[in-house]
PDB file of N, CA and C in Angstrom:
ATOM      1  N   MET A   1     120.570 113.644  54.058  1.00  0.00           N
ATOM      2  CA  MET A   1     119.309 113.041  54.468  1.00  0.00           C
ATOM      3  C   MET A   1     119.555 111.735  55.227  1.00  0.00           C
ATOM      4  N   ARG A   2     120.439 110.948  54.670  1.00  0.00           N
ATOM      5  CA  ARG A   2     120.689 109.659  55.291  1.00  0.00           C
ATOM      6  C   ARG A   2     121.417 109.795  56.626  1.00  0.00           C
ATOM      7  N   SER A   3     122.313 110.786  56.723  1.00  0.00           N
ATOM      8  CA  SER A   3     123.034 110.971  57.980  1.00  0.00           C
ATOM      9  C   SER A   3     122.098 111.491  59.070  1.00  0.00           C
ATOM     10  N   LYS A   4     121.108 112.309  58.701  1.00  0.00           N
ATOM     11  CA  LYS A   4     120.143 112.778  59.696  1.00  0.00           C
ATOM     12  C   LYS A   4     119.280 111.623  60.186  1.00  0.00           C
ATOM     13  N   ARG A   5     118.973 110.703  59.298  1.00  0.00           N
ATOM     14  CA  ARG A   5     118.193 109.533  59.699  1.00  0.00           C
ATOM     15  C   ARG A   5     118.990 108.684  60.681  1.00  0.00           C
ATOM     16  N   ARG A   6     120.288 108.523  60.406  1.00  0.00           N
ATOM     17  CA  ARG A   6     121.126 107.739  61.309  1.00  0.00           C
ATOM     18  C   ARG A   6     121.282 108.443  62.657  1.00  0.00           C
ATOM     19  N   LEU A   7     121.449 109.766  62.621  1.00  0.00           N
ATOM     20  CA  LEU A   7     121.545 110.508  63.877  1.00  0.00           C
ATOM     21  C   LEU A   7     120.256 110.405  64.679  1.00  0.00           C
ATOM     22  N   GLY A   8     119.127 110.456  63.999  1.00  0.00           N
ATOM     23  CA  GLY A   8     117.842 110.323  64.683  1.00  0.00           C
ATOM     24  C   GLY A   8     117.679 108.954  65.311  1.00  0.00           C
ATOM     25  N   LEU A   9     118.084 107.918  64.590  1.00  0.00           N
ATOM     26  CA  LEU A   9     117.990 106.563  65.120  1.00  0.00           C
ATOM     27  C   LEU A   9     118.953 106.370  66.287  1.00  0.00           C
ATOM     28  N   LEU A  10     120.167 106.895  66.161  1.00  0.00           N
ATOM     29  CA  LEU A  10     121.135 106.813  67.259  1.00  0.00           C
ATOM     30  C   LEU A  10     120.634 107.581  68.476  1.00  0.00           C
ATOM     31  N   SER A  11     120.000 108.712  68.241  1.00  0.00           N
ATOM     32  CA  SER A  11     119.426 109.494  69.330  1.00  0.00           C
ATOM     33  C   SER A  11     118.327 108.710  70.045  1.00  0.00           C
ATOM     34  N   PHE A  12     117.482 108.058  69.284  1.00  0.00           N
ATOM     35  CA  PHE A  12     116.394 107.279  69.867  1.00  0.00           C
ATOM     36  C   PHE A  12     116.928 106.083  70.659  1.00  0.00           C
ATOM     37  N   ILE A  13     117.936 105.410  70.120  1.00  0.00           N
ATOM     38  CA  ILE A  13     118.517 104.257  70.813  1.00  0.00           C
ATOM     39  C   ILE A  13     119.175 104.689  72.118  1.00  0.00           C
ATOM     40  N   SER A  14     119.901 105.811  72.092  1.00  0.00           N
ATOM     41  CA  SER A  14     120.531 106.271  73.331  1.00  0.00           C
ATOM     42  C   SER A  14     119.478 106.742  74.340  1.00  0.00           C
ATOM     43  N   LEU A  15     118.349 107.249  73.865  1.00  0.00           N
ATOM     44  CA  LEU A  15     117.254 107.608  74.767  1.00  0.00           C
ATOM     45  C   LEU A  15     116.708 106.372  75.471  1.00  0.00           C
ATOM     46  N   ILE A  16     116.485 105.305  74.741  1.00  0.00           N
ATOM     47  CA  ILE A  16     115.943 104.075  75.317  1.00  0.00           C
ATOM     48  C   ILE A  16     116.930 103.460  76.316  1.00  0.00           C
ATOM     49  N   VAL A  17     118.216 103.405  75.946  1.00  0.00           N
ATOM     50  CA  VAL A  17     119.218 102.824  76.837  1.00  0.00           C
ATOM     51  C   VAL A  17     119.384 103.687  78.091  1.00  0.00           C
ATOM     52  N   GLY A  18     119.350 105.001  77.934  1.00  0.00           N
ATOM     53  CA  GLY A  18     119.427 105.897  79.088  1.00  0.00           C
ATOM     54  C   GLY A  18     118.250 105.713  80.027  1.00  0.00           C
ATOM     55  N   LEU A  19     117.057 105.544  79.456  1.00  0.00           N
ATOM     56  CA  LEU A  19     115.880 105.288  80.292  1.00  0.00           C
ATOM     57  C   LEU A  19     115.991 103.964  81.039  1.00  0.00           C
ATOM     58  N   ILE A  20     116.535 102.963  80.387  1.00  0.00           N
ATOM     59  CA  ILE A  20     116.707 101.669  81.051  1.00  0.00           C
ATOM     60  C   ILE A  20     117.667 101.805  82.228  1.00  0.00           C
ATOM     61  N   PHE A  21     118.775 102.534  82.019  1.00  0.00           N
ATOM     62  CA  PHE A  21     119.730 102.727  83.113  1.00  0.00           C
ATOM     63  C   PHE A  21     119.122 103.534  84.262  1.00  0.00           C
ATOM     64  N   LEU A  22     118.341 104.553  83.944  1.00  0.00           N
ATOM     65  CA  LEU A  22     117.706 105.328  85.019  1.00  0.00           C
ATOM     66  C   LEU A  22     116.674 104.503  85.775  1.00  0.00           C
ATOM     67  N   CYS A  23     115.930 103.687  85.065  1.00  0.00           N
ATOM     68  CA  CYS A  23     114.963 102.814  85.738  1.00  0.00           C
ATOM     69  C   CYS A  23     115.665 101.779  86.617  1.00  0.00           C
ATOM     70  N   LEU A  24     116.803 101.267  86.141  1.00  0.00           N
ATOM     71  CA  LEU A  24     117.578 100.344  86.984  1.00  0.00           C
ATOM     72  C   LEU A  24     118.024 101.023  88.266  1.00  0.00           C
ATOM     73  N   PHE A  25     118.464 102.266  88.158  1.00  0.00           N
ATOM     74  CA  PHE A  25     118.905 102.972  89.363  1.00  0.00           C
ATOM     75  C   PHE A  25     117.737 103.239  90.305  1.00  0.00           C
ATOM     76  N   ILE A  26     116.602 103.643  89.769  1.00  0.00           N
ATOM     77  CA  ILE A  26     115.460 103.973  90.614  1.00  0.00           C
ATOM     78  C   ILE A  26     114.916 102.724  91.316  1.00  0.00           C
ATOM     79  N   PHE A  27     114.791 101.619  90.590  1.00  0.00           N
ATOM     80  CA  PHE A  27     114.179 100.436  91.177  1.00  0.00           C
ATOM     81  C   PHE A  27     115.155  99.555  91.940  1.00  0.00           C
ATOM     82  N   GLN A  28     116.430  99.574  91.597  1.00  0.00           N
ATOM     83  CA  GLN A  28     117.415  98.759  92.301  1.00  0.00           C
ATOM     84  C   GLN A  28     118.120  99.553  93.382  1.00  0.00           C
ATOM     85  N   GLY A  29     118.671 100.723  93.017  1.00  0.00           N
ATOM     86  CA  GLY A  29     119.350 101.563  93.971  1.00  0.00           C
ATOM     87  C   GLY A  29     120.774 101.138  94.283  1.00  0.00           C
ATOM     88  N   LYS A  30     121.141  99.928  93.941  1.00  0.00           N
ATOM     89  CA  LYS A  30     122.465  99.426  94.253  1.00  0.00           C
ATOM     90  C   LYS A  30     123.505  99.856  93.225  1.00  0.00           C
ATOM     91  N   PHE A  31     123.094  99.922  91.997  1.00  0.00           N
ATOM     92  CA  PHE A  31     124.004 100.220  90.901  1.00  0.00           C
ATOM     93  C   PHE A  31     124.133 101.727  90.736  1.00  0.00           C
ATOM     94  N   PHE A  32     125.027 102.334  91.507  1.00  0.00           N
ATOM     95  CA  PHE A  32     125.154 103.780  91.475  1.00  0.00           C
ATOM     96  C   PHE A  32     125.721 104.273  90.155  1.00  0.00           C
ATOM     97  N   ILE A  33     126.493 103.457  89.465  1.00  0.00           N
ATOM     98  CA  ILE A  33     127.086 103.883  88.197  1.00  0.00           C
ATOM     99  C   ILE A  33     126.022 104.047  87.108  1.00  0.00           C
ATOM    100  N   THR A  34     124.875 103.434  87.274  1.00  0.00           N
ATOM    101  CA  THR A  34     123.844 103.528  86.246  1.00  0.00           C
ATOM    102  C   THR A  34     123.196 104.904  86.195  1.00  0.00           C
ATOM    103  N   MET A  35     123.160 105.635  87.291  1.00  0.00           N
ATOM    104  CA  MET A  35     122.552 106.965  87.276  1.00  0.00           C
ATOM    105  C   MET A  35     123.345 107.932  86.406  1.00  0.00           C
ATOM    106  N   PRO A  36     124.653 108.121  86.622  1.00  0.00           N
ATOM    107  CA  PRO A  36     125.363 109.047  85.750  1.00  0.00           C
ATOM    108  C   PRO A  36     125.418 108.571  84.298  1.00  0.00           C
ATOM    109  N   LEU A  37     125.519 107.259  84.107  1.00  0.00           N
ATOM    110  CA  LEU A  37     125.552 106.742  82.750  1.00  0.00           C
ATOM    111  C   LEU A  37     124.221 106.987  82.040  1.00  0.00           C
ATOM    112  N   GLY A  38     123.129 106.811  82.748  1.00  0.00           N
ATOM    113  CA  GLY A  38     121.812 107.077  82.171  1.00  0.00           C
ATOM    114  C   GLY A  38     121.631 108.544  81.844  1.00  0.00           C
ATOM    115  N   LEU A  39     122.069 109.421  82.724  1.00  0.00           N
ATOM    116  CA  LEU A  39     121.949 110.860  82.453  1.00  0.00           C
ATOM    117  C   LEU A  39     122.837 111.281  81.291  1.00  0.00           C
ATOM    118  N   ILE A  40     124.034 110.726  81.196  1.00  0.00           N
ATOM    119  CA  ILE A  40     124.918 111.051  80.071  1.00  0.00           C
ATOM    120  C   ILE A  40     124.299 110.596  78.755  1.00  0.00           C
ATOM    121  N   LEU A  41     123.704 109.424  78.747  1.00  0.00           N
ATOM    122  CA  LEU A  41     123.059 108.941  77.525  1.00  0.00           C
ATOM    123  C   LEU A  41     121.836 109.774  77.163  1.00  0.00           C
ATOM    124  N   LEU A  42     121.091 110.234  78.154  1.00  0.00           N
ATOM    125  CA  LEU A  42     119.948 111.101  77.853  1.00  0.00           C
ATOM    126  C   LEU A  42     120.390 112.445  77.298  1.00  0.00           C
ATOM    127  N   ILE A  43     121.456 112.999  77.839  1.00  0.00           N
ATOM    128  CA  ILE A  43     121.971 114.270  77.320  1.00  0.00           C
ATOM    129  C   ILE A  43     122.522 114.076  75.917  1.00  0.00           C
ATOM    130  N   LEU A  44     123.214 112.965  75.672  1.00  0.00           N
ATOM    131  CA  LEU A  44     123.702 112.655  74.324  1.00  0.00           C
ATOM    132  C   LEU A  44     122.533 112.518  73.355  1.00  0.00           C
ATOM    133  N   SER A  45     121.475 111.898  73.801  1.00  0.00           N
ATOM    134  CA  SER A  45     120.286 111.751  72.971  1.00  0.00           C
ATOM    135  C   SER A  45     119.688 113.110  72.620  1.00  0.00           C
ATOM    136  N   PHE A  46     119.660 114.001  73.585  1.00  0.00           N
ATOM    137  CA  PHE A  46     119.111 115.337  73.333  1.00  0.00           C
ATOM    138  C   PHE A  46     119.974 116.116  72.348  1.00  0.00           C
ATOM    139  N   VAL A  47     121.279 116.044  72.504  1.00  0.00           N
ATOM    140  CA  VAL A  47     122.182 116.765  71.596  1.00  0.00           C
ATOM    141  C   VAL A  47     122.080 116.203  70.186  1.00  0.00           C
ATOM    142  N   LEU A  48     122.031 114.892  70.055  1.00  0.00           N
ATOM    143  CA  LEU A  48     121.885 114.295  68.735  1.00  0.00           C
ATOM    144  C   LEU A  48     120.541 114.631  68.107  1.00  0.00           C
ATOM    145  N   SER A  49     119.514 114.734  68.926  1.00  0.00           N
ATOM    146  CA  SER A  49     118.199 115.063  68.385  1.00  0.00           C
ATOM    147  C   SER A  49     118.131 116.510  67.914  1.00  0.00           C
ATOM    148  N   LEU A  50     118.979 117.376  68.449  1.00  0.00           N
ATOM    149  CA  LEU A  50     119.028 118.750  67.947  1.00  0.00           C
ATOM    150  C   LEU A  50     119.527 118.803  66.510  1.00  0.00           C
ATOM    151  N   PHE A  51     120.395 117.867  66.156  1.00  0.00           N
ATOM    152  CA  PHE A  51     120.922 117.826  64.793  1.00  0.00           C
ATOM    153  C   PHE A  51     119.997 117.101  63.826  1.00  0.00           C
ATOM    154  N   SER A  52     119.071 116.330  64.333  1.00  0.00           N
ATOM    155  CA  SER A  52     118.169 115.565  63.460  1.00  0.00           C
ATOM    156  C   SER A  52     116.714 115.879  63.787  1.00  0.00           C
ATOM    157  N   ARG A  53     116.370 117.128  63.791  1.00  0.00           N
ATOM    158  CA  ARG A  53     115.001 117.533  64.138  1.00  0.00           C
ATOM    159  C   ARG A  53     113.960 117.082  63.125  1.00  0.00           C
ATOM    160  N   LYS A  54     114.351 116.950  61.879  1.00  0.00           N
ATOM    161  CA  LYS A  54     113.391 116.614  60.830  1.00  0.00           C
ATOM    162  C   LYS A  54     113.035 115.130  60.813  1.00  0.00           C
ATOM    163  N   ASP A  55     113.861 114.308  61.426  1.00  0.00           N
ATOM    164  CA  ASP A  55     113.601 112.877  61.465  1.00  0.00           C
ATOM    165  C   ASP A  55     112.609 112.561  62.579  1.00  0.00           C
ATOM    166  N   LYS A  56     111.769 111.549  62.368  1.00  0.00           N
ATOM    167  CA  LYS A  56     110.749 111.233  63.372  1.00  0.00           C
ATOM    168  C   LYS A  56     111.366 110.727  64.671  1.00  0.00           C
ATOM    169  N   PHE A  57     112.447 109.955  64.585  1.00  0.00           N
ATOM    170  CA  PHE A  57     113.103 109.486  65.805  1.00  0.00           C
ATOM    171  C   PHE A  57     113.782 110.635  66.535  1.00  0.00           C
ATOM    172  N   GLY A  58     114.324 111.571  65.773  1.00  0.00           N
ATOM    173  CA  GLY A  58     114.951 112.741  66.381  1.00  0.00           C
ATOM    174  C   GLY A  58     113.938 113.603  67.120  1.00  0.00           C
ATOM    175  N   ARG A  59     112.758 113.742  66.537  1.00  0.00           N
ATOM    176  CA  ARG A  59     111.707 114.525  67.208  1.00  0.00           C
ATOM    177  C   ARG A  59     111.219 113.846  68.474  1.00  0.00           C
ATOM    178  N   VAL A  60     111.141 112.530  68.459  1.00  0.00           N
ATOM    179  CA  VAL A  60     110.715 111.809  69.664  1.00  0.00           C
ATOM    180  C   VAL A  60     111.704 112.079  70.794  1.00  0.00           C
ATOM    181  N   SER A  61     112.987 111.991  70.490  1.00  0.00           N
ATOM    182  CA  SER A  61     114.005 112.241  71.509  1.00  0.00           C
ATOM    183  C   SER A  61     114.014 113.694  71.951  1.00  0.00           C
ATOM    184  N   LEU A  62     113.773 114.588  71.015  1.00  0.00           N
ATOM    185  CA  LEU A  62     113.770 116.016  71.337  1.00  0.00           C
ATOM    186  C   LEU A  62     112.640 116.375  72.295  1.00  0.00           C
ATOM    187  N   TYR A  63     111.479 115.783  72.104  1.00  0.00           N
ATOM    188  CA  TYR A  63     110.344 116.102  72.969  1.00  0.00           C
ATOM    189  C   TYR A  63     110.303 115.249  74.231  1.00  0.00           C
ATOM    190  N   ALA A  64     110.889 114.065  74.189  1.00  0.00           N
ATOM    191  CA  ALA A  64     110.844 113.181  75.351  1.00  0.00           C
ATOM    192  C   ALA A  64     111.847 113.586  76.421  1.00  0.00           C
ATOM    193  N   PHE A  65     112.968 114.159  76.032  1.00  0.00           N
ATOM    194  CA  PHE A  65     114.008 114.493  77.005  1.00  0.00           C
ATOM    195  C   PHE A  65     113.524 115.470  78.079  1.00  0.00           C
ATOM    196  N   PRO A  66     112.897 116.604  77.735  1.00  0.00           N
ATOM    197  CA  PRO A  66     112.438 117.497  78.817  1.00  0.00           C
ATOM    198  C   PRO A  66     111.386 116.857  79.723  1.00  0.00           C
ATOM    199  N   ILE A  67     110.529 116.035  79.151  1.00  0.00           N
ATOM    200  CA  ILE A  67     109.501 115.366  79.951  1.00  0.00           C
ATOM    201  C   ILE A  67     110.141 114.397  80.935  1.00  0.00           C
ATOM    202  N   ILE A  68     111.095 113.625  80.472  1.00  0.00           N
ATOM    203  CA  ILE A  68     111.788 112.664  81.333  1.00  0.00           C
ATOM    204  C   ILE A  68     112.574 113.389  82.417  1.00  0.00           C
ATOM    205  N   LEU A  69     113.218 114.475  82.045  1.00  0.00           N
ATOM    206  CA  LEU A  69     114.007 115.234  83.020  1.00  0.00           C
ATOM    207  C   LEU A  69     113.123 115.812  84.124  1.00  0.00           C
ATOM    208  N   VAL A  70     111.965 116.333  83.774  1.00  0.00           N
ATOM    209  CA  VAL A  70     111.046 116.883  84.772  1.00  0.00           C
ATOM    210  C   VAL A  70     110.529 115.781  85.687  1.00  0.00           C
ATOM    211  N   ILE A  71     110.173 114.647  85.135  1.00  0.00           N
ATOM    212  CA  ILE A  71     109.690 113.530  85.952  1.00  0.00           C
ATOM    213  C   ILE A  71     110.779 113.039  86.895  1.00  0.00           C
ATOM    214  N   TYR A  72     112.002 112.955  86.396  1.00  0.00           N
ATOM    215  CA  TYR A  72     113.126 112.498  87.207  1.00  0.00           C
ATOM    216  C   TYR A  72     113.407 113.474  88.346  1.00  0.00           C
ATOM    217  N   LEU A  73     113.397 114.761  88.059  1.00  0.00           N
ATOM    218  CA  LEU A  73     113.626 115.758  89.106  1.00  0.00           C
ATOM    219  C   LEU A  73     112.491 115.773  90.128  1.00  0.00           C
ATOM    220  N   LEU A  74     111.251 115.628  89.683  1.00  0.00           N
ATOM    221  CA  LEU A  74     110.129 115.563  90.614  1.00  0.00           C
ATOM    222  C   LEU A  74     110.229 114.327  91.515  1.00  0.00           C
ATOM    223  N   PHE A  75     110.703 113.227  90.960  1.00  0.00           N
ATOM    224  CA  PHE A  75     110.892 112.013  91.752  1.00  0.00           C
ATOM    225  C   PHE A  75     111.860 112.279  92.898  1.00  0.00           C
ATOM    226  N   PHE A  76     112.993 112.924  92.605  1.00  0.00           N
ATOM    227  CA  PHE A  76     113.966 113.177  93.656  1.00  0.00           C
ATOM    228  C   PHE A  76     113.486 114.242  94.638  1.00  0.00           C
ATOM    229  N   ILE A  77     112.729 115.203  94.199  1.00  0.00           N
ATOM    230  CA  ILE A  77     112.197 116.215  95.111  1.00  0.00           C
ATOM    231  C   ILE A  77     111.197 115.579  96.076  1.00  0.00           C
ATOM    232  N   VAL A  78     110.313 114.759  95.570  1.00  0.00           N
ATOM    233  CA  VAL A  78     109.318 114.102  96.419  1.00  0.00           C
ATOM    234  C   VAL A  78     110.002 113.139  97.394  1.00  0.00           C
ATOM    235  N   MET A  79     110.979 112.381  96.912  1.00  0.00           N
ATOM    236  CA  MET A  79     111.684 111.462  97.804  1.00  0.00           C
ATOM    237  C   MET A  79     112.480 112.216  98.862  1.00  0.00           C
ATOM    238  N   PHE A  80     113.046 113.357  98.513  1.00  0.00           N
ATOM    239  CA  PHE A  80     113.774 114.175  99.482  1.00  0.00           C
ATOM    240  C   PHE A  80     112.835 114.681 100.577  1.00  0.00           C
ATOM    241  N   LEU A  81     111.619 115.049 100.197  1.00  0.00           N
ATOM    242  CA  LEU A  81     110.653 115.527 101.170  1.00  0.00           C
ATOM    243  C   LEU A  81     110.217 114.407 102.118  1.00  0.00           C
ATOM    244  N   PHE A  82     110.022 113.189 101.602  1.00  0.00           N
ATOM    245  CA  PHE A  82     109.584 112.086 102.452  1.00  0.00           C
ATOM    246  C   PHE A  82     110.706 111.527 103.315  1.00  0.00           C
ATOM    247  N   TRP A  83     111.921 111.491 102.795  1.00  0.00           N
ATOM    248  CA  TRP A  83     113.010 110.903 103.555  1.00  0.00           C
ATOM    249  C   TRP A  83     113.524 111.846 104.646  1.00  0.00           C
ATOM    250  N   ASN A  84     113.344 113.141 104.486  1.00  0.00           N
ATOM    251  CA  ASN A  84     113.884 114.087 105.460  1.00  0.00           C
ATOM    252  C   ASN A  84     112.807 114.666 106.370  1.00  0.00           C
ATOM    253  N   THR A  85     111.784 113.915 106.654  1.00  0.00           N
ATOM    254  CA  THR A  85     110.773 114.368 107.608  1.00  0.00           C
ATOM    255  C   THR A  85     111.186 113.957 109.005  1.00  0.00           C
ATOM    256  N   PRO A  86     110.938 114.801 109.994  1.00  0.00           N
ATOM    257  CA  PRO A  86     111.340 114.451 111.376  1.00  0.00           C
ATOM    258  C   PRO A  86     110.475 113.377 111.998  1.00  0.00           C
TER     259      PRO A  86
END
């Protein structure tokens, strides 16, 4: 029980840090290393949340990851459409 709680909390913390890194990349654009680091932390958060589904922090990470991923992909699709117009 206690290890699942710790995994859930670690999952939530890595979700928050990953979001911060992705936001830094989107708004700054200069720090290219933040994009892969943010994505790695989000994937780590998702994997950890699979092991701690019963914990409230684990569930937050489990449900937030697909939503964040869809928003992130839509952002790049829309930007690709606007930047590559003749």
